[in-house]
Amino acid sequence: MQEKRNLSGSKMTRTLILVIAFIGMVNCAKAQMKIAVLDFKAGAGVEQGDVDGISAIFGTYFIDPSKFTLVERTQIDRVISEQGFQYSTLTNQQMVKVGQILNIQRMVVGDVNIVSGQYNVDVRVVDVETGAINATDGATWARGTSYRELMKNLASQLMSKMTQPQVQTSSNQTIKPNSVVILYNYLRVYPEDLGTFSSYPNNIIEAINNDDTYGYSTWRLPTEEEMSLINNNRGKVQGLSSTEYMTIDGSKSGRVRLVTNRETTEARAKMWSDYQTIFSIDSIMDSKKPRSTSDTTNIYLNYYQTFLSYYPKSYASYYAMIAQEYVNRKEYGTAIGYLKQALDIQPDYTDALALLADCYIYTNNSELAIKYSKQGARFGHKGCIEWLNGQNIRW
């Protein structure tokens, strides 16, 4: 009987050990995040061959077996090929689909640009389930200098951000720590800091706007005046740093907090839809009966000008579109007026900055042409960058 009890006890001990080991394996598996690190994309002024070298070094340091399980690059390439996607033009939606097929949780993507002789790399982490951007970071270095240590630090910082605990409710549902704050009934402040940058994080802001984050697609850096308003309302805006912030009209590096003073993406779409319902372009065309391309162009020009009379602060792109038509007509003074209205709405609108610089080239005002080209280059406009580097005469 004693022997049976001892055998029974031994079985229970072995079973308990196996259960503990299994729980440990499960917990270990839960702790590991399955991720994929994609090659960075070449942006303005840089060749893909150079970017591949930067990606390779970043990927070398982006590894922590205790927290991450990395998907092999061959698997990523296979899925991209099977889906008929092109790596060089992979969109955010396509990246998310690739991640879902590979059953991963996060994808690390990045872009490299050259602005004013410096390499700028912007890296972001995309949540495959939601398509949202979970973490961002960046680095800048001069041409001809080593970037290995920078890539090592960038990888370390980004991994740290990815493993930071999220705020939980009592029902264990993940919630955002902050929400959009509206100051003075017009200035909407992005609820999170993007990090510290030494150059304008073009690709990160573009990705945030493409994802319609927090319901807006018009996020940008604040002006110095807007940043002053934010600092004066620190009690309302959570998570502000005590360090200096980057502004859209300054040139200093610093932390990044975005703002917008425009309607939600949904509201903007409704404005355009309501206008089209009231003023049908098809009905207008039927009533006007245009006889030439010039007649048709004038009808559309009037159509968009009327829209802007109803909603003057909503669509910067329509001001630029009208300006382009006046440029085509060589009416540069009128075009400049419309472009400046576009930039009043969206100061980092690169196409408007480039076209404004072009207008000043056509009117032989080299000082203002250079001024607006530099602004366009700062915000990542490829044509402005190439023109300033003497690579082309017109963009």
Protein backbone atom coordinates (compact mmCIF):
# COMPACT_ATOMS: atom_id res chain seq x y z
CA MET A 1 0.00 0.00 0.00
CA GLN A 2 2.83 2.40 0.93
CA GLU A 3 4.58 1.55 -2.34
CA LYS A 4 1.39 2.35 -4.33
CA ARG A 5 1.10 5.69 -2.53
CA ASN A 6 4.73 6.48 -3.36
CA LEU A 7 4.16 5.56 -7.01
CA SER A 8 1.02 7.68 -7.06
CA GLY A 9 2.93 10.56 -5.50
CA SER A 10 5.70 10.23 -8.09
CA LYS A 11 3.15 10.35 -10.91
CA MET A 12 1.54 13.43 -9.39
CA THR A 13 4.94 15.11 -9.07
CA ARG A 14 5.83 14.34 -12.69
CA THR A 15 2.43 15.56 -13.84
CA LEU A 16 2.83 18.77 -11.82
CA ILE A 17 6.27 19.35 -13.33
CA LEU A 18 4.88 18.84 -16.84
CA VAL A 19 1.99 21.23 -16.16
CA ILE A 20 4.38 23.90 -14.80
CA ALA A 21 6.65 23.42 -17.81
CA PHE A 22 3.70 23.68 -20.18
CA ILE A 23 2.47 26.88 -18.50
CA GLY A 24 5.99 28.28 -18.77
CA MET A 25 6.08 27.45 -22.48
CA VAL A 26 2.67 29.07 -23.01
CA ASN A 27 3.71 32.21 -21.12
CA CYS A 28 6.94 32.34 -23.10
CA ALA A 29 4.99 32.04 -26.34
CA LYS A 30 2.63 34.80 -25.22
CA ALA A 31 5.57 37.04 -24.40
CA GLN A 32 6.99 36.70 -27.90
CA MET A 33 5.58 39.01 -30.57
CA LYS A 34 5.67 37.69 -34.12
CA ILE A 35 6.98 40.48 -36.35
CA ALA A 36 8.43 41.16 -39.80
CA VAL A 37 11.05 43.80 -40.62
CA LEU A 38 10.65 44.99 -44.22
CA ASP A 39 13.39 46.63 -46.27
CA PHE A 40 13.26 50.41 -46.12
CA LYS A 41 12.02 52.29 -49.20
CA ALA A 42 14.15 54.78 -51.12
CA GLY A 43 12.72 58.30 -51.10
CA ALA A 44 13.88 61.63 -52.49
CA GLY A 45 17.53 61.88 -53.52
CA VAL A 46 18.62 58.36 -52.56
CA GLU A 47 19.16 55.10 -54.48
CA GLN A 48 17.54 51.84 -53.39
CA GLY A 49 20.99 50.20 -53.25
CA ASP A 50 22.08 52.61 -50.52
CA VAL A 51 18.82 52.07 -48.65
CA ASP A 52 19.25 48.27 -48.74
CA GLY A 53 22.53 48.65 -46.85
CA ILE A 54 20.88 50.83 -44.20
CA SER A 55 18.01 48.31 -43.88
CA ALA A 56 20.41 45.42 -43.48
CA ILE A 57 22.28 47.07 -40.63
CA PHE A 58 19.04 48.08 -38.90
CA GLY A 59 17.72 44.51 -39.23
CA THR A 60 20.94 43.11 -37.73
CA TYR A 61 20.26 44.96 -34.48
CA PHE A 62 16.48 44.54 -34.49
CA ILE A 63 16.49 41.20 -32.70
CA ASP A 64 15.48 40.06 -29.22
CA PRO A 65 14.60 36.33 -29.08
CA SER A 66 13.04 36.71 -25.62
CA LYS A 67 10.43 39.18 -26.94
CA PHE A 68 10.19 38.81 -30.72
CA THR A 69 9.90 36.06 -33.29
CA LEU A 70 11.19 37.36 -36.62
CA VAL A 71 9.66 36.09 -39.87
CA GLU A 72 12.26 35.16 -42.47
CA ARG A 73 12.64 37.53 -45.39
CA THR A 74 12.12 34.70 -47.90
CA GLN A 75 8.61 34.15 -46.50
CA ILE A 76 7.79 37.85 -46.87
CA ASP A 77 9.08 37.90 -50.46
CA ARG A 78 7.05 34.80 -51.30
CA VAL A 79 3.75 36.30 -50.07
CA ILE A 80 4.40 39.63 -51.78
CA SER A 81 5.06 37.80 -55.06
CA GLU A 82 2.01 35.53 -54.68
CA GLN A 83 -0.25 38.55 -54.10
CA GLY A 84 1.12 40.29 -57.19
CA PHE A 85 2.41 43.25 -55.17
CA GLN A 86 5.53 45.26 -55.98
CA TYR A 87 7.93 45.74 -53.06
CA SER A 88 8.94 49.25 -54.17
CA THR A 89 5.32 50.48 -54.25
CA LEU A 90 3.88 48.48 -51.36
CA THR A 91 1.02 50.46 -49.76
CA ASN A 92 0.07 50.39 -46.09
CA GLN A 93 -3.04 48.32 -46.89
CA GLN A 94 -0.97 45.82 -48.88
CA MET A 95 1.55 45.55 -46.05
CA VAL A 96 -1.27 44.78 -43.61
CA LYS A 97 -2.59 42.07 -45.95
CA VAL A 98 0.87 40.50 -46.22
CA GLY A 99 1.11 40.52 -42.42
CA GLN A 100 -2.29 38.88 -42.04
CA ILE A 101 -1.33 36.10 -44.45
CA LEU A 102 1.89 35.50 -42.51
CA ASN A 103 -0.08 35.58 -39.24
CA ILE A 104 2.16 38.20 -37.65
CA GLN A 105 1.27 40.93 -35.16
CA ARG A 106 3.51 43.82 -36.18
CA MET A 107 5.39 44.99 -39.28
CA VAL A 108 8.38 47.33 -39.08
CA VAL A 109 8.70 49.58 -42.15
CA GLY A 110 10.76 52.65 -42.99
CA ASP A 111 11.74 55.25 -45.58
CA VAL A 112 15.03 56.98 -46.32
CA ASN A 113 15.33 60.44 -47.90
CA ILE A 114 18.14 62.90 -48.49
CA VAL A 115 17.35 66.51 -47.59
CA SER A 116 19.99 69.27 -47.57
CA GLY A 117 22.79 66.73 -47.85
CA GLN A 118 21.62 64.62 -44.91
CA TYR A 119 20.17 61.13 -44.77
CA ASN A 120 16.83 60.97 -42.92
CA VAL A 121 15.33 57.63 -41.96
CA ASP A 122 11.79 57.39 -40.56
CA VAL A 123 10.74 54.03 -39.11
CA ARG A 124 7.27 53.01 -37.95
CA VAL A 125 5.57 49.93 -36.50
CA VAL A 126 2.25 48.92 -38.09
CA ASP A 127 -0.32 46.87 -36.17
CA VAL A 128 -1.41 44.16 -38.61
CA GLU A 129 -4.82 43.65 -37.00
CA THR A 130 -5.88 47.31 -37.07
CA GLY A 131 -3.49 48.89 -39.60
CA ALA A 132 -2.70 51.60 -37.03
CA ILE A 133 0.80 52.90 -36.33
CA ASN A 134 1.90 51.78 -32.86
CA ALA A 135 5.36 53.34 -32.63
CA THR A 136 7.62 55.65 -34.62
CA ASP A 137 11.22 56.86 -34.51
CA GLY A 138 13.87 58.31 -36.77
CA ALA A 139 17.50 59.24 -37.25
CA THR A 140 19.54 61.73 -39.31
CA TRP A 141 23.19 61.73 -40.34
CA ALA A 142 25.42 63.53 -42.82
CA ARG A 143 26.50 61.98 -46.10
CA GLY A 144 29.79 60.13 -45.88
CA THR A 145 29.54 59.44 -42.14
CA SER A 146 28.94 56.10 -40.42
CA TYR A 147 25.37 55.24 -39.50
CA ARG A 148 25.92 51.84 -37.84
CA GLU A 149 25.69 53.14 -34.28
CA LEU A 150 22.65 55.26 -35.18
CA MET A 151 20.87 52.19 -36.61
CA LYS A 152 21.76 50.21 -33.50
CA ASN A 153 20.29 52.89 -31.24
CA LEU A 154 17.25 53.32 -33.49
CA ALA A 155 16.51 49.58 -33.39
CA SER A 156 16.92 49.50 -29.61
CA GLN A 157 14.63 52.50 -29.09
CA LEU A 158 11.94 51.11 -31.35
CA MET A 159 12.01 47.66 -29.69
CA SER A 160 11.66 49.36 -26.32
CA LYS A 161 8.60 51.29 -27.53
CA MET A 162 7.04 48.10 -28.90
CA THR A 163 7.27 46.31 -25.57
CA GLN A 164 5.98 49.14 -23.38
CA PRO A 165 2.86 48.04 -21.49
CA GLN A 166 -0.49 49.45 -22.67
CA VAL A 167 -3.04 51.00 -20.34
CA GLN A 168 -5.78 48.53 -19.40
CA THR A 169 -9.32 49.02 -18.13
CA SER A 170 -10.85 46.93 -15.34
CA SER A 171 -12.39 44.71 -18.03
CA ASN A 172 -8.91 44.12 -19.53
CA GLN A 173 -9.73 46.07 -22.71
CA THR A 174 -6.91 48.14 -24.17
CA ILE A 175 -7.65 51.87 -24.26
CA LYS A 176 -5.79 54.88 -25.62
CA PRO A 177 -4.13 56.88 -22.82
CA ASN A 178 -5.29 60.20 -24.30
CA SER A 179 -7.75 61.65 -26.79
CA VAL A 180 -7.72 64.56 -29.22
CA VAL A 181 -7.84 67.89 -27.37
CA ILE A 182 -9.53 70.94 -28.92
CA LEU A 183 -8.11 74.30 -27.85
CA TYR A 184 -9.93 77.59 -28.42
CA ASN A 185 -12.64 75.75 -30.36
CA TYR A 186 -10.46 75.25 -33.44
CA LEU A 187 -6.99 73.81 -32.76
CA ARG A 188 -7.03 70.02 -32.48
CA VAL A 189 -3.98 68.52 -30.78
CA TYR A 190 -2.76 64.98 -31.53
CA PRO A 191 -2.86 63.05 -28.25
CA GLU A 192 0.59 61.44 -28.49
CA ASP A 193 4.18 62.56 -29.01
CA LEU A 194 5.79 60.95 -32.05
CA GLY A 195 9.30 61.20 -30.59
CA THR A 196 12.32 63.45 -31.12
CA PHE A 197 13.47 64.21 -34.66
CA SER A 198 16.26 66.27 -36.20
CA SER A 199 14.37 66.70 -39.49
CA TYR A 200 10.73 66.91 -40.50
CA PRO A 201 9.28 63.35 -40.27
CA ASN A 202 7.55 63.47 -43.66
CA ASN A 203 6.81 59.79 -44.13
CA ILE A 204 5.51 59.23 -40.61
CA ILE A 205 3.06 62.14 -40.85
CA GLU A 206 1.98 60.98 -44.30
CA ALA A 207 1.33 57.46 -42.99
CA ILE A 208 -0.70 58.82 -40.06
CA ASN A 209 -2.81 60.91 -42.43
CA ASN A 210 -3.27 58.02 -44.86
CA ASP A 211 -4.58 55.93 -41.97
CA ASP A 212 -7.04 58.70 -41.00
CA THR A 213 -5.75 58.45 -37.42
CA TYR A 214 -8.22 59.74 -34.80
CA GLY A 215 -10.61 60.62 -37.64
CA TYR A 216 -8.45 63.29 -39.28
CA SER A 217 -6.25 63.16 -42.40
CA THR A 218 -4.78 66.67 -42.09
CA TRP A 219 -2.31 66.33 -39.20
CA ARG A 220 0.78 68.58 -39.43
CA LEU A 221 3.40 70.25 -37.26
CA PRO A 222 2.11 73.28 -35.32
CA THR A 223 3.25 76.80 -36.11
CA GLU A 224 5.30 78.57 -33.44
CA GLU A 225 2.16 80.45 -32.41
CA GLU A 226 0.16 77.22 -32.14
CA MET A 227 2.94 75.59 -30.12
CA SER A 228 2.79 78.54 -27.74
CA LEU A 229 -0.96 77.96 -27.32
CA ILE A 230 -0.32 74.29 -26.56
CA ASN A 231 2.34 75.17 -23.96
CA ASN A 232 -0.05 77.63 -22.35
CA ASN A 233 -2.59 74.83 -21.97
CA ARG A 234 -0.40 72.10 -20.52
CA GLY A 235 -3.10 71.23 -18.03
CA LYS A 236 -5.39 70.17 -20.88
CA VAL A 237 -2.85 68.48 -23.17
CA GLN A 238 -1.49 65.31 -21.61
CA GLY A 239 2.00 63.90 -22.02
CA LEU A 240 3.80 67.06 -23.12
CA SER A 241 7.58 66.95 -22.74
CA SER A 242 9.61 69.69 -21.12
CA THR A 243 12.03 69.65 -24.08
CA GLU A 244 11.72 71.84 -27.19
CA TYR A 245 9.18 70.96 -29.88
CA MET A 246 9.63 71.19 -33.63
CA THR A 247 7.41 73.71 -35.44
CA ILE A 248 6.40 74.03 -39.08
CA ASP A 249 7.88 77.52 -39.46
CA GLY A 250 11.08 76.84 -37.55
CA SER A 251 14.19 74.89 -38.48
CA LYS A 252 15.22 73.42 -35.12
CA SER A 253 15.05 69.75 -34.21
CA GLY A 254 12.94 68.58 -31.31
CA ARG A 255 9.99 66.51 -30.22
CA VAL A 256 6.95 66.25 -32.47
CA ARG A 257 3.32 66.83 -31.52
CA LEU A 258 0.87 67.23 -34.41
CA VAL A 259 -2.13 69.53 -34.82
CA THR A 260 -4.94 70.20 -37.29
CA ASN A 261 -7.43 73.05 -37.54
CA ARG A 262 -9.66 71.37 -40.11
CA GLU A 263 -12.74 69.15 -40.07
CA THR A 264 -12.76 65.38 -39.70
CA THR A 265 -12.24 63.34 -42.85
CA GLU A 266 -15.88 62.27 -42.67
CA ALA A 267 -17.13 65.87 -42.39
CA ARG A 268 -14.93 66.99 -45.29
CA ALA A 269 -16.28 64.19 -47.48
CA LYS A 270 -19.85 65.18 -46.57
CA MET A 271 -19.19 68.81 -47.58
CA TRP A 272 -18.13 67.72 -51.04
CA SER A 273 -20.99 65.23 -51.34
CA ASP A 274 -23.60 67.82 -50.29
CA TYR A 275 -22.19 70.36 -52.74
CA GLN A 276 -22.32 67.86 -55.60
CA THR A 277 -25.93 67.05 -54.73
CA ILE A 278 -26.99 70.71 -54.84
CA PHE A 279 -24.78 71.72 -57.76
CA SER A 280 -24.62 68.78 -60.14
CA ILE A 281 -21.76 69.20 -62.59
CA ASP A 282 -23.65 67.04 -65.10
CA SER A 283 -26.68 69.37 -64.95
CA ILE A 284 -24.43 72.39 -65.32
CA MET A 285 -22.73 70.87 -68.36
CA ASP A 286 -26.12 70.10 -69.93
CA SER A 287 -27.32 73.65 -69.40
CA LYS A 288 -24.09 75.39 -70.51
CA LYS A 289 -23.47 73.13 -73.52
CA PRO A 290 -19.71 73.73 -73.81
CA ARG A 291 -18.43 73.86 -77.38
CA SER A 292 -14.71 73.55 -76.73
CA THR A 293 -12.13 72.28 -74.25
CA SER A 294 -11.69 75.87 -73.11
CA ASP A 295 -15.42 76.16 -72.35
CA THR A 296 -15.33 72.92 -70.36
CA THR A 297 -12.27 74.07 -68.40
CA ASN A 298 -13.96 77.36 -67.52
CA ILE A 299 -17.07 75.57 -66.27
CA TYR A 300 -15.01 73.32 -63.99
CA LEU A 301 -12.95 76.29 -62.81
CA ASN A 302 -16.10 78.17 -61.84
CA TYR A 303 -17.49 75.00 -60.23
CA TYR A 304 -14.53 74.67 -57.84
CA GLN A 305 -14.34 78.41 -57.19
CA THR A 306 -18.00 78.36 -56.14
CA PHE A 307 -17.32 75.41 -53.83
CA LEU A 308 -14.52 77.35 -52.12
CA SER A 309 -16.86 80.29 -51.61
CA TYR A 310 -19.03 77.93 -49.53
CA TYR A 311 -16.17 76.13 -47.72
CA PRO A 312 -13.14 78.47 -47.85
CA LYS A 313 -10.99 76.71 -45.23
CA SER A 314 -11.51 73.04 -45.99
CA TYR A 315 -9.78 71.94 -49.18
CA ALA A 316 -6.29 73.30 -49.82
CA SER A 317 -5.98 70.99 -52.82
CA TYR A 318 -8.76 72.82 -54.68
CA TYR A 319 -6.94 76.15 -54.36
CA ALA A 320 -3.83 74.48 -55.80
CA MET A 321 -5.84 72.88 -58.60
CA ILE A 322 -7.31 76.27 -59.58
CA ALA A 323 -3.83 77.82 -59.33
CA GLN A 324 -2.48 75.22 -61.76
CA GLU A 325 -5.06 76.28 -64.34
CA TYR A 326 -3.97 79.92 -64.00
CA VAL A 327 -0.33 78.82 -64.35
CA ASN A 328 -1.34 77.08 -67.58
CA ARG A 329 -2.78 80.40 -68.71
CA LYS A 330 0.42 82.18 -67.61
CA GLU A 331 -1.58 84.32 -65.18
CA TYR A 332 1.04 83.89 -62.46
CA GLY A 333 -0.15 86.68 -60.15
CA THR A 334 -3.60 85.09 -59.81
CA ALA A 335 -2.03 81.64 -59.37
CA ILE A 336 0.22 82.94 -56.58
CA GLY A 337 -2.84 84.32 -54.75
CA TYR A 338 -4.60 80.95 -54.82
CA LEU A 339 -1.46 79.08 -53.75
CA LYS A 340 -0.97 81.32 -50.74
CA GLN A 341 -4.58 80.61 -49.73
CA ALA A 342 -3.81 76.89 -50.01
CA LEU A 343 -0.75 77.32 -47.76
CA ASP A 344 -2.78 79.31 -45.22
CA ILE A 345 -4.86 76.17 -44.81
CA GLN A 346 -2.04 73.61 -45.08
CA PRO A 347 1.44 75.13 -44.56
CA ASP A 348 3.25 71.87 -45.40
CA TYR A 349 1.38 71.27 -48.68
CA THR A 350 4.39 70.36 -50.81
CA ASP A 351 2.71 70.50 -54.22
CA ALA A 352 1.51 74.04 -53.49
CA LEU A 353 5.00 75.07 -52.31
CA ALA A 354 6.59 73.61 -55.45
CA LEU A 355 4.08 75.30 -57.76
CA LEU A 356 4.55 78.60 -55.90
CA ALA A 357 8.30 78.33 -56.35
CA ASP A 358 7.68 77.56 -60.02
CA CYS A 359 5.58 80.74 -60.36
CA TYR A 360 8.44 82.79 -58.96
CA ILE A 361 10.85 81.11 -61.38
CA TYR A 362 8.56 82.07 -64.26
CA THR A 363 8.41 85.67 -62.98
CA ASN A 364 12.22 85.81 -62.47
CA ASN A 365 12.05 86.20 -58.68
CA SER A 366 14.90 83.88 -57.71
CA GLU A 367 14.90 84.89 -54.04
CA LEU A 368 11.30 83.75 -53.46
CA ALA A 369 11.76 80.74 -55.77
CA ILE A 370 14.60 79.54 -53.55
CA LYS A 371 12.66 80.34 -50.36
CA TYR A 372 9.65 78.21 -51.29
CA SER A 373 11.82 75.49 -52.86
CA LYS A 374 13.63 75.14 -49.54
CA GLN A 375 10.31 74.82 -47.71
CA GLY A 376 9.14 72.20 -50.19
CA ALA A 377 12.44 70.32 -49.81
CA ARG A 378 12.14 70.40 -46.03
CA PHE A 379 8.75 68.73 -46.29
CA GLY A 380 10.09 66.11 -48.71
CA HIS A 381 9.09 67.33 -52.20
CA LYS A 382 11.37 65.44 -54.58
CA GLY A 383 11.26 68.09 -57.33
CA CYS A 384 12.26 70.87 -54.92
CA ILE A 385 15.14 68.79 -53.59
CA GLU A 386 16.43 68.00 -57.07
CA TRP A 387 16.09 71.61 -58.24
CA LEU A 388 18.03 72.91 -55.23
CA ASN A 389 20.72 70.30 -55.90
CA GLY A 390 20.96 71.47 -59.52
CA GLN A 391 19.64 68.20 -60.91
CA ASN A 392 16.87 69.73 -63.03
CA ILE A 393 15.57 73.09 -64.25
CA ARG A 394 11.86 72.43 -63.80
CA TRP A 395 10.05 69.81 -61.73
